[in-house]
Amino acid sequence: MKTRVAVISIIVENTESIESVNTTLSDSREYIIGRMGIPYRQKGVYLISIALDAPEDVINTLAGRLGRLNGVSAKTNYSNIITEV
């Protein structure tokens, strides 16, 4: 199985979706290298960055699930590093 290193940038504009975001991320915890969250309370926005090492289809599925949540956007940036596991 081949894995890739990637970062998913998440912007949460609907605070009611925060629990769903956390649940979705928890479902993929085995692939998450690290997570950084920044609450920007003055604007009512939460910024989250997730570093992953996972198969490309897992990364795409996770980003898609996050992006379908109400008031949540997710974008993925891939490294050129591909590892055979």
PDB file of N, CA and C in Angstrom:
ATOM      1  N   MET A   1       0.840  -1.173   0.000  1.00  0.00           N
ATOM      2  CA  MET A   1       0.000   0.000   0.000  1.00  0.00           C
ATOM      3  C   MET A   1       0.891   1.244   0.000  1.00  0.00           C
ATOM      4  N   LYS A   2       0.549   2.210  -0.827  1.00  0.00           N
ATOM      5  CA  LYS A   2       1.296   3.463  -0.898  1.00  0.00           C
ATOM      6  C   LYS A   2       0.577   4.536  -0.103  1.00  0.00           C
ATOM      7  N   THR A   3       1.363   5.324   0.652  1.00  0.00           N
ATOM      8  CA  THR A   3       0.798   6.437   1.400  1.00  0.00           C
ATOM      9  C   THR A   3       1.454   7.737   0.955  1.00  0.00           C
ATOM     10  N   ARG A   4       0.745   8.824   1.205  1.00  0.00           N
ATOM     11  CA  ARG A   4       1.275  10.148   0.882  1.00  0.00           C
ATOM     12  C   ARG A   4       1.188  11.031   2.115  1.00  0.00           C
ATOM     13  N   VAL A   5       2.092  11.975   2.179  1.00  0.00           N
ATOM     14  CA  VAL A   5       2.056  12.983   3.232  1.00  0.00           C
ATOM     15  C   VAL A   5       1.256  14.154   2.687  1.00  0.00           C
ATOM     16  N   ALA A   6       0.313  14.641   3.487  1.00  0.00           N
ATOM     17  CA  ALA A   6      -0.548  15.736   3.042  1.00  0.00           C
ATOM     18  C   ALA A   6      -0.982  16.578   4.229  1.00  0.00           C
ATOM     19  N   VAL A   7      -1.503  17.752   3.914  1.00  0.00           N
ATOM     20  CA  VAL A   7      -2.080  18.648   4.911  1.00  0.00           C
ATOM     21  C   VAL A   7      -3.482  19.014   4.441  1.00  0.00           C
ATOM     22  N   ILE A   8      -4.452  18.904   5.334  1.00  0.00           N
ATOM     23  CA  ILE A   8      -5.802  19.377   5.041  1.00  0.00           C
ATOM     24  C   ILE A   8      -6.026  20.641   5.865  1.00  0.00           C
ATOM     25  N   SER A   9      -6.361  21.723   5.189  1.00  0.00           N
ATOM     26  CA  SER A   9      -6.694  22.985   5.848  1.00  0.00           C
ATOM     27  C   SER A   9      -8.204  23.077   5.933  1.00  0.00           C
ATOM     28  N   ILE A  10      -8.706  23.315   7.134  1.00  0.00           N
ATOM     29  CA  ILE A  10     -10.142  23.334   7.378  1.00  0.00           C
ATOM     30  C   ILE A  10     -10.536  24.687   7.949  1.00  0.00           C
ATOM     31  N   ILE A  11     -11.599  25.266   7.413  1.00  0.00           N
ATOM     32  CA  ILE A  11     -12.171  26.492   7.969  1.00  0.00           C
ATOM     33  C   ILE A  11     -13.600  26.177   8.380  1.00  0.00           C
ATOM     34  N   VAL A  12     -13.883  26.396   9.664  1.00  0.00           N
ATOM     35  CA  VAL A  12     -15.224  26.143  10.195  1.00  0.00           C
ATOM     36  C   VAL A  12     -15.884  27.495  10.469  1.00  0.00           C
ATOM     37  N   GLU A  13     -16.937  27.783   9.723  1.00  0.00           N
ATOM     38  CA  GLU A  13     -17.671  29.033   9.895  1.00  0.00           C
ATOM     39  C   GLU A  13     -18.984  28.822  10.639  1.00  0.00           C
ATOM     40  N   ASN A  14     -19.420  27.585  10.765  1.00  0.00           N
ATOM     41  CA  ASN A  14     -20.650  27.250  11.469  1.00  0.00           C
ATOM     42  C   ASN A  14     -20.277  26.480  12.733  1.00  0.00           C
ATOM     43  N   THR A  15     -20.397  27.117  13.890  1.00  0.00           N
ATOM     44  CA  THR A  15     -19.969  26.476  15.140  1.00  0.00           C
ATOM     45  C   THR A  15     -20.771  25.221  15.447  1.00  0.00           C
ATOM     46  N   GLU A  16     -21.952  25.083  14.885  1.00  0.00           N
ATOM     47  CA  GLU A  16     -22.751  23.870  15.108  1.00  0.00           C
ATOM     48  C   GLU A  16     -22.120  22.642  14.450  1.00  0.00           C
ATOM     49  N   SER A  17     -21.170  22.855  13.535  1.00  0.00           N
ATOM     50  CA  SER A  17     -20.515  21.736  12.845  1.00  0.00           C
ATOM     51  C   SER A  17     -19.234  21.269  13.526  1.00  0.00           C
ATOM     52  N   ILE A  18     -18.827  21.942  14.586  1.00  0.00           N
ATOM     53  CA  ILE A  18     -17.553  21.607  15.221  1.00  0.00           C
ATOM     54  C   ILE A  18     -17.540  20.165  15.739  1.00  0.00           C
ATOM     55  N   GLU A  19     -18.602  19.731  16.357  1.00  0.00           N
ATOM     56  CA  GLU A  19     -18.657  18.355  16.866  1.00  0.00           C
ATOM     57  C   GLU A  19     -18.545  17.348  15.721  1.00  0.00           C
ATOM     58  N   SER A  20     -19.203  17.635  14.600  1.00  0.00           N
ATOM     59  CA  SER A  20     -19.123  16.740  13.434  1.00  0.00           C
ATOM     60  C   SER A  20     -17.714  16.711  12.863  1.00  0.00           C
ATOM     61  N   VAL A  21     -17.036  17.855  12.858  1.00  0.00           N
ATOM     62  CA  VAL A  21     -15.651  17.913  12.384  1.00  0.00           C
ATOM     63  C   VAL A  21     -14.781  17.026  13.271  1.00  0.00           C
ATOM     64  N   ASN A  22     -14.917  17.173  14.588  1.00  0.00           N
ATOM     65  CA  ASN A  22     -14.101  16.382  15.513  1.00  0.00           C
ATOM     66  C   ASN A  22     -14.382  14.890  15.387  1.00  0.00           C
ATOM     67  N   THR A  23     -15.630  14.520  15.202  1.00  0.00           N
ATOM     68  CA  THR A  23     -15.991  13.110  15.027  1.00  0.00           C
ATOM     69  C   THR A  23     -15.386  12.558  13.738  1.00  0.00           C
ATOM     70  N   THR A  24     -15.474  13.336  12.665  1.00  0.00           N
ATOM     71  CA  THR A  24     -14.926  12.927  11.376  1.00  0.00           C
ATOM     72  C   THR A  24     -13.412  12.737  11.471  1.00  0.00           C
ATOM     73  N   LEU A  25     -12.734  13.668  12.134  1.00  0.00           N
ATOM     74  CA  LEU A  25     -11.285  13.551  12.294  1.00  0.00           C
ATOM     75  C   LEU A  25     -10.928  12.361  13.177  1.00  0.00           C
ATOM     76  N   SER A  26     -11.701  12.121  14.195  1.00  0.00           N
ATOM     77  CA  SER A  26     -11.443  10.984  15.089  1.00  0.00           C
ATOM     78  C   SER A  26     -11.535   9.660  14.344  1.00  0.00           C
ATOM     79  N   ASP A  27     -12.434   9.587  13.367  1.00  0.00           N
ATOM     80  CA  ASP A  27     -12.577   8.363  12.568  1.00  0.00           C
ATOM     81  C   ASP A  27     -11.314   8.047  11.773  1.00  0.00           C
ATOM     82  N   SER A  28     -10.481   9.059  11.510  1.00  0.00           N
ATOM     83  CA  SER A  28      -9.244   8.872  10.728  1.00  0.00           C
ATOM     84  C   SER A  28      -7.993   9.064  11.568  1.00  0.00           C
ATOM     85  N   ARG A  29      -8.119   8.950  12.869  1.00  0.00           N
ATOM     86  CA  ARG A  29      -7.006   9.262  13.775  1.00  0.00           C
ATOM     87  C   ARG A  29      -5.756   8.425  13.523  1.00  0.00           C
ATOM     88  N   GLU A  30      -5.918   7.225  12.987  1.00  0.00           N
ATOM     89  CA  GLU A  30      -4.736   6.378  12.757  1.00  0.00           C
ATOM     90  C   GLU A  30      -3.799   6.954  11.700  1.00  0.00           C
ATOM     91  N   TYR A  31      -4.299   7.860  10.863  1.00  0.00           N
ATOM     92  CA  TYR A  31      -3.490   8.456   9.797  1.00  0.00           C
ATOM     93  C   TYR A  31      -3.002   9.865  10.141  1.00  0.00           C
ATOM     94  N   ILE A  32      -3.510  10.445  11.212  1.00  0.00           N
ATOM     95  CA  ILE A  32      -3.184  11.836  11.548  1.00  0.00           C
ATOM     96  C   ILE A  32      -1.853  11.903  12.282  1.00  0.00           C
ATOM     97  N   ILE A  33      -0.945  12.697  11.727  1.00  0.00           N
ATOM     98  CA  ILE A  33       0.367  12.913  12.332  1.00  0.00           C
ATOM     99  C   ILE A  33       0.258  13.997  13.401  1.00  0.00           C
ATOM    100  N   GLY A  34      -0.476  15.056  13.084  1.00  0.00           N
ATOM    101  CA  GLY A  34      -0.629  16.166  14.016  1.00  0.00           C
ATOM    102  C   GLY A  34      -1.794  17.049  13.623  1.00  0.00           C
ATOM    103  N   ARG A  35      -2.212  17.860  14.582  1.00  0.00           N
ATOM    104  CA  ARG A  35      -3.366  18.732  14.373  1.00  0.00           C
ATOM    105  C   ARG A  35      -3.114  20.049  15.085  1.00  0.00           C
ATOM    106  N   MET A  36      -3.455  21.146  14.415  1.00  0.00           N
ATOM    107  CA  MET A  36      -3.351  22.465  15.025  1.00  0.00           C
ATOM    108  C   MET A  36      -4.672  23.187  14.807  1.00  0.00           C
ATOM    109  N   GLY A  37      -5.266  23.684  15.867  1.00  0.00           N
ATOM    110  CA  GLY A  37      -6.511  24.411  15.753  1.00  0.00           C
ATOM    111  C   GLY A  37      -6.367  25.811  16.320  1.00  0.00           C
ATOM    112  N   ILE A  38      -6.896  26.781  15.603  1.00  0.00           N
ATOM    113  CA  ILE A  38      -6.831  28.169  16.038  1.00  0.00           C
ATOM    114  C   ILE A  38      -8.239  28.753  16.025  1.00  0.00           C
ATOM    115  N   PRO A  39      -8.795  29.045  17.205  1.00  0.00           N
ATOM    116  CA  PRO A  39     -10.096  29.709  17.225  1.00  0.00           C
ATOM    117  C   PRO A  39      -9.899  31.205  16.997  1.00  0.00           C
ATOM    118  N   TYR A  40     -10.515  31.737  15.984  1.00  0.00           N
ATOM    119  CA  TYR A  40     -10.452  33.178  15.706  1.00  0.00           C
ATOM    120  C   TYR A  40     -11.807  33.740  16.125  1.00  0.00           C
ATOM    121  N   ARG A  41     -11.966  33.900  17.419  1.00  0.00           N
ATOM    122  CA  ARG A  41     -13.268  34.235  18.004  1.00  0.00           C
ATOM    123  C   ARG A  41     -13.810  35.585  17.545  1.00  0.00           C
ATOM    124  N   GLN A  42     -12.936  36.540  17.285  1.00  0.00           N
ATOM    125  CA  GLN A  42     -13.396  37.854  16.832  1.00  0.00           C
ATOM    126  C   GLN A  42     -14.179  37.762  15.524  1.00  0.00           C
ATOM    127  N   LYS A  43     -13.849  36.789  14.709  1.00  0.00           N
ATOM    128  CA  LYS A  43     -14.520  36.596  13.419  1.00  0.00           C
ATOM    129  C   LYS A  43     -15.493  35.425  13.444  1.00  0.00           C
ATOM    130  N   GLY A  44     -15.513  34.685  14.542  1.00  0.00           N
ATOM    131  CA  GLY A  44     -16.403  33.532  14.641  1.00  0.00           C
ATOM    132  C   GLY A  44     -16.010  32.385  13.720  1.00  0.00           C
ATOM    133  N   VAL A  45     -14.698  32.249  13.478  1.00  0.00           N
ATOM    134  CA  VAL A  45     -14.163  31.247  12.555  1.00  0.00           C
ATOM    135  C   VAL A  45     -13.130  30.399  13.295  1.00  0.00           C
ATOM    136  N   TYR A  46     -13.106  29.119  12.956  1.00  0.00           N
ATOM    137  CA  TYR A  46     -12.108  28.214  13.522  1.00  0.00           C
ATOM    138  C   TYR A  46     -11.253  27.678  12.386  1.00  0.00           C
ATOM    139  N   LEU A  47      -9.932  27.772  12.547  1.00  0.00           N
ATOM    140  CA  LEU A  47      -8.972  27.329  11.538  1.00  0.00           C
ATOM    141  C   LEU A  47      -8.271  26.085  12.068  1.00  0.00           C
ATOM    142  N   ILE A  48      -8.302  25.022  11.289  1.00  0.00           N
ATOM    143  CA  ILE A  48      -7.710  23.751  11.708  1.00  0.00           C
ATOM    144  C   ILE A  48      -6.814  23.238  10.587  1.00  0.00           C
ATOM    145  N   SER A  49      -5.636  22.771  10.969  1.00  0.00           N
ATOM    146  CA  SER A  49      -4.704  22.179  10.021  1.00  0.00           C
ATOM    147  C   SER A  49      -4.391  20.763  10.480  1.00  0.00           C
ATOM    148  N   ILE A  50      -4.540  19.803   9.558  1.00  0.00           N
ATOM    149  CA  ILE A  50      -4.320  18.393   9.866  1.00  0.00           C
ATOM    150  C   ILE A  50      -3.198  17.859   8.984  1.00  0.00           C
ATOM    151  N   ALA A  51      -2.152  17.301   9.593  1.00  0.00           N
ATOM    152  CA  ALA A  51      -1.075  16.645   8.849  1.00  0.00           C
ATOM    153  C   ALA A  51      -1.348  15.145   8.839  1.00  0.00           C
ATOM    154  N   LEU A  52      -1.255  14.532   7.658  1.00  0.00           N
ATOM    155  CA  LEU A  52      -1.586  13.116   7.493  1.00  0.00           C
ATOM    156  C   LEU A  52      -0.499  12.359   6.759  1.00  0.00           C
ATOM    157  N   ASP A  53      -0.434  11.071   7.014  1.00  0.00           N
ATOM    158  CA  ASP A  53       0.333  10.131   6.199  1.00  0.00           C
ATOM    159  C   ASP A  53      -0.628   8.970   5.961  1.00  0.00           C
ATOM    160  N   ALA A  54      -1.221   8.943   4.762  1.00  0.00           N
ATOM    161  CA  ALA A  54      -2.307   7.993   4.495  1.00  0.00           C
ATOM    162  C   ALA A  54      -2.377   7.683   3.007  1.00  0.00           C
ATOM    163  N   PRO A  55      -3.093   6.615   2.651  1.00  0.00           N
ATOM    164  CA  PRO A  55      -3.357   6.369   1.235  1.00  0.00           C
ATOM    165  C   PRO A  55      -4.137   7.554   0.650  1.00  0.00           C
ATOM    166  N   GLU A  56      -3.888   7.839  -0.606  1.00  0.00           N
ATOM    167  CA  GLU A  56      -4.496   9.005  -1.244  1.00  0.00           C
ATOM    168  C   GLU A  56      -6.022   8.962  -1.203  1.00  0.00           C
ATOM    169  N   ASP A  57      -6.612   7.783  -1.353  1.00  0.00           N
ATOM    170  CA  ASP A  57      -8.070   7.703  -1.315  1.00  0.00           C
ATOM    171  C   ASP A  57      -8.623   8.022   0.072  1.00  0.00           C
ATOM    172  N   VAL A  58      -7.883   7.677   1.121  1.00  0.00           N
ATOM    173  CA  VAL A  58      -8.302   8.014   2.489  1.00  0.00           C
ATOM    174  C   VAL A  58      -8.262   9.528   2.686  1.00  0.00           C
ATOM    175  N   ILE A  59      -7.219  10.164   2.196  1.00  0.00           N
ATOM    176  CA  ILE A  59      -7.086  11.620   2.314  1.00  0.00           C
ATOM    177  C   ILE A  59      -8.212  12.314   1.558  1.00  0.00           C
ATOM    178  N   ASN A  60      -8.468  11.864   0.336  1.00  0.00           N
ATOM    179  CA  ASN A  60      -9.537  12.470  -0.466  1.00  0.00           C
ATOM    180  C   ASN A  60     -10.907  12.282   0.175  1.00  0.00           C
ATOM    181  N   THR A  61     -11.144  11.092   0.705  1.00  0.00           N
ATOM    182  CA  THR A  61     -12.424  10.816   1.354  1.00  0.00           C
ATOM    183  C   THR A  61     -12.606  11.694   2.588  1.00  0.00           C
ATOM    184  N   LEU A  62     -11.565  11.821   3.388  1.00  0.00           N
ATOM    185  CA  LEU A  62     -11.644  12.646   4.589  1.00  0.00           C
ATOM    186  C   LEU A  62     -11.922  14.107   4.233  1.00  0.00           C
ATOM    187  N   ALA A  63     -11.188  14.639   3.267  1.00  0.00           N
ATOM    188  CA  ALA A  63     -11.403  16.033   2.855  1.00  0.00           C
ATOM    189  C   ALA A  63     -12.811  16.228   2.304  1.00  0.00           C
ATOM    190  N   GLY A  64     -13.299  15.261   1.552  1.00  0.00           N
ATOM    191  CA  GLY A  64     -14.654  15.341   1.006  1.00  0.00           C
ATOM    192  C   GLY A  64     -15.709  15.311   2.088  1.00  0.00           C
ATOM    193  N   ARG A  65     -15.544  14.426   3.063  1.00  0.00           N
ATOM    194  CA  ARG A  65     -16.502  14.350   4.177  1.00  0.00           C
ATOM    195  C   ARG A  65     -16.533  15.653   4.961  1.00  0.00           C
ATOM    196  N   LEU A  66     -15.357  16.223   5.197  1.00  0.00           N
ATOM    197  CA  LEU A  66     -15.289  17.493   5.922  1.00  0.00           C
ATOM    198  C   LEU A  66     -15.944  18.617   5.118  1.00  0.00           C
ATOM    199  N   GLY A  67     -15.643  18.678   3.837  1.00  0.00           N
ATOM    200  CA  GLY A  67     -16.168  19.744   2.985  1.00  0.00           C
ATOM    201  C   GLY A  67     -17.676  19.697   2.791  1.00  0.00           C
ATOM    202  N   ARG A  68     -18.282  18.538   3.015  1.00  0.00           N
ATOM    203  CA  ARG A  68     -19.740  18.416   2.888  1.00  0.00           C
ATOM    204  C   ARG A  68     -20.490  18.848   4.144  1.00  0.00           C
ATOM    205  N   LEU A  69     -19.768  19.072   5.235  1.00  0.00           N
ATOM    206  CA  LEU A  69     -20.420  19.533   6.458  1.00  0.00           C
ATOM    207  C   LEU A  69     -20.863  20.987   6.288  1.00  0.00           C
ATOM    208  N   ASN A  70     -21.963  21.331   6.914  1.00  0.00           N
ATOM    209  CA  ASN A  70     -22.525  22.678   6.805  1.00  0.00           C
ATOM    210  C   ASN A  70     -21.571  23.722   7.404  1.00  0.00           C
ATOM    211  N   GLY A  71     -21.193  24.699   6.593  1.00  0.00           N
ATOM    212  CA  GLY A  71     -20.336  25.780   7.066  1.00  0.00           C
ATOM    213  C   GLY A  71     -18.882  25.406   7.220  1.00  0.00           C
ATOM    214  N   VAL A  72     -18.450  24.337   6.548  1.00  0.00           N
ATOM    215  CA  VAL A  72     -17.060  23.865   6.644  1.00  0.00           C
ATOM    216  C   VAL A  72     -16.463  23.778   5.247  1.00  0.00           C
ATOM    217  N   SER A  73     -15.251  24.304   5.094  1.00  0.00           N
ATOM    218  CA  SER A  73     -14.530  24.115   3.832  1.00  0.00           C
ATOM    219  C   SER A  73     -13.206  23.412   4.145  1.00  0.00           C
ATOM    220  N   ALA A  74     -12.762  22.581   3.212  1.00  0.00           N
ATOM    221  CA  ALA A  74     -11.530  21.810   3.407  1.00  0.00           C
ATOM    222  C   ALA A  74     -10.768  21.743   2.087  1.00  0.00           C
ATOM    223  N   LYS A  75      -9.485  22.033   2.149  1.00  0.00           N
ATOM    224  CA  LYS A  75      -8.603  21.967   0.984  1.00  0.00           C
ATOM    225  C   LYS A  75      -7.389  21.124   1.341  1.00  0.00           C
ATOM    226  N   THR A  76      -6.905  20.374   0.368  1.00  0.00           N
ATOM    227  CA  THR A  76      -5.784  19.459   0.602  1.00  0.00           C
ATOM    228  C   THR A  76      -4.566  19.893  -0.196  1.00  0.00           C
ATOM    229  N   ASN A  77      -3.412  19.772   0.434  1.00  0.00           N
ATOM    230  CA  ASN A  77      -2.140  20.039  -0.229  1.00  0.00           C
ATOM    231  C   ASN A  77      -1.260  18.804  -0.018  1.00  0.00           C
ATOM    232  N   TYR A  78      -0.804  18.209  -1.122  1.00  0.00           N
ATOM    233  CA  TYR A  78      -0.028  16.959  -1.077  1.00  0.00           C
ATOM    234  C   TYR A  78       1.465  17.233  -1.196  1.00  0.00           C
ATOM    235  N   SER A  79       2.239  16.456  -0.446  1.00  0.00           N
ATOM    236  CA  SER A  79       3.685  16.417  -0.604  1.00  0.00           C
ATOM    237  C   SER A  79       3.995  15.476  -1.767  1.00  0.00           C
ATOM    238  N   ASN A  80       5.171  15.570  -2.306  1.00  0.00           N
ATOM    239  CA  ASN A  80       5.606  14.639  -3.349  1.00  0.00           C
ATOM    240  C   ASN A  80       6.118  13.331  -2.761  1.00  0.00           C
ATOM    241  N   ILE A  81       6.143  13.234  -1.433  1.00  0.00           N
ATOM    242  CA  ILE A  81       6.641  12.042  -0.755  1.00  0.00           C
ATOM    243  C   ILE A  81       5.595  10.933  -0.801  1.00  0.00           C
ATOM    244  N   ILE A  82       5.950   9.823  -1.416  1.00  0.00           N
ATOM    245  CA  ILE A  82       5.088   8.646  -1.476  1.00  0.00           C
ATOM    246  C   ILE A  82       5.861   7.499  -0.853  1.00  0.00           C
ATOM    247  N   THR A  83       5.238   6.819   0.091  1.00  0.00           N
ATOM    248  CA  THR A  83       5.902   5.751   0.827  1.00  0.00           C
ATOM    249  C   THR A  83       5.169   4.441   0.615  1.00  0.00           C
ATOM    250  N   GLU A  84       5.928   3.369   0.414  1.00  0.00           N
ATOM    251  CA  GLU A  84       5.349   2.035   0.315  1.00  0.00           C
ATOM    252  C   GLU A  84       5.312   1.437   1.720  1.00  0.00           C
ATOM    253  N   VAL A  85       4.115   1.013   2.172  1.00  0.00           N
ATOM    254  CA  VAL A  85       3.975   0.454   3.509  1.00  0.00           C
ATOM    255  C   VAL A  85       3.784  -1.042   3.414  1.00  0.00           C
TER     256      VAL A  85
END
